[in-house]
Amino acid sequence: KMMWKWTRAKHHAITSQRKSEDLEGLRFHAFVSYSQNNTDWVKSQFLPKLEGDYCLRVCHHERDFIPGKTIVQNILRCIEQSRRCVFVLSSHFV
């Protein structure tokens, strides 16, 4: 059910954009989803590389989720406000 919601939210975000290279109306370049077991790597290597070296705006749940909203509401909001979704696939994620 969650995958369906993610897919619908991303489809809505894509179809509502005028140009793929235009970030108008979007807050993030990417929404990142990963297993909590990979937190150390994501926070120490992955995010600094994307945000520092490549100057991308990445949605990170610890920083960008709105308190008081459900996890599902926050995920859907962030996906809709992001151009891309990045899944850090690991044995823990799967």
Protein backbone atom coordinates (compact mmCIF):
# COMPACT_ATOMS: atom_id res chain seq x y z
CA LYS A 1 0.00 0.00 0.00
CA MET A 2 2.87 2.37 0.84
CA MET A 3 4.58 1.71 -2.49
CA TRP A 4 1.32 2.59 -4.27
CA LYS A 5 1.10 5.88 -2.34
CA TRP A 6 4.75 6.70 -3.15
CA THR A 7 4.18 5.94 -6.82
CA ARG A 8 1.01 8.07 -7.01
CA ALA A 9 2.65 10.97 -5.16
CA LYS A 10 5.68 10.88 -7.47
CA HIS A 11 3.48 10.62 -10.57
CA HIS A 12 1.50 13.67 -9.42
CA ALA A 13 4.71 15.60 -8.77
CA ILE A 14 6.11 14.74 -12.20
CA THR A 15 2.97 15.50 -14.17
CA SER A 16 2.45 18.83 -12.43
CA GLN A 17 5.90 20.12 -13.44
CA ARG A 18 6.25 22.26 -16.54
CA LYS A 19 9.88 21.46 -17.35
CA SER A 20 12.04 18.68 -15.92
CA GLU A 21 14.97 21.04 -15.31
CA ASP A 22 12.78 23.65 -13.61
CA LEU A 23 12.74 23.44 -9.80
CA GLU A 24 9.89 25.93 -9.49
CA GLY A 25 7.42 24.67 -6.93
CA LEU A 26 9.84 22.06 -5.63
CA ARG A 27 11.75 22.31 -2.40
CA PHE A 28 14.22 19.45 -2.82
CA HIS A 29 16.29 17.87 -5.55
CA ALA A 30 15.86 14.45 -3.89
CA PHE A 31 14.05 12.58 -1.16
CA VAL A 32 16.23 9.88 0.43
CA SER A 33 14.85 6.67 1.89
CA TYR A 34 17.10 4.20 3.71
CA SER A 35 17.23 1.64 6.51
CA GLN A 36 17.97 2.93 9.99
CA ASN A 37 20.87 0.44 9.99
CA ASN A 38 22.53 2.59 7.31
CA THR A 39 22.12 5.88 9.21
CA ASP A 40 25.81 6.33 10.01
CA TRP A 41 26.86 5.97 6.36
CA VAL A 42 24.06 8.17 5.03
CA LYS A 43 24.77 10.96 7.53
CA SER A 44 28.57 10.82 7.40
CA GLN A 45 29.21 10.15 3.70
CA PHE A 46 26.17 10.20 1.43
CA LEU A 47 24.43 13.43 2.49
CA PRO A 48 27.65 15.48 2.83
CA LYS A 49 28.66 14.39 -0.69
CA LEU A 50 25.30 15.31 -2.26
CA GLU A 51 24.75 18.51 -0.31
CA GLY A 52 28.36 19.66 -0.06
CA ASP A 53 30.11 18.59 -3.23
CA TYR A 54 27.10 18.74 -5.56
CA CYS A 55 25.10 21.51 -3.83
CA LEU A 56 21.87 19.52 -3.95
CA ARG A 57 18.95 20.09 -1.61
CA VAL A 58 18.19 16.69 -0.12
CA CYS A 59 15.18 15.92 2.06
CA HIS A 60 16.37 14.18 5.21
CA HIS A 61 13.68 13.03 7.61
CA GLU A 62 15.54 14.05 10.78
CA ARG A 63 15.73 17.61 9.53
CA ASP A 64 12.79 18.12 7.17
CA PHE A 65 9.82 16.19 8.54
CA ILE A 66 7.15 18.32 10.22
CA PRO A 67 6.50 17.37 13.85
CA GLY A 68 2.88 16.43 14.55
CA LYS A 69 2.25 14.97 11.09
CA THR A 70 2.24 11.22 10.57
CA ILE A 71 5.20 9.52 8.94
CA VAL A 72 3.09 8.74 5.87
CA GLN A 73 1.95 12.39 5.58
CA ASN A 74 5.55 13.58 5.87
CA ILE A 75 6.84 11.07 3.33
CA LEU A 76 4.15 11.94 0.79
CA ARG A 77 4.70 15.70 1.28
CA CYS A 78 8.45 15.32 0.81
CA ILE A 79 8.08 13.12 -2.27
CA GLU A 80 5.73 15.65 -3.85
CA GLN A 81 8.22 18.43 -3.11
CA SER A 82 11.18 16.50 -4.57
CA ARG A 83 12.29 16.02 -8.14
CA ARG A 84 13.68 12.52 -7.51
CA CYS A 85 13.50 9.73 -4.94
CA VAL A 86 16.70 7.97 -3.94
CA PHE A 87 16.52 4.59 -2.23
CA VAL A 88 19.69 3.43 -0.51
CA LEU A 89 19.33 -0.28 -1.13
CA SER A 90 21.06 -2.58 1.31
CA SER A 91 20.34 -5.97 2.83
CA HIS A 92 18.79 -4.12 5.77
CA PHE A 93 16.51 -2.05 3.52
CA VAL A 94 15.22 -5.02 1.57
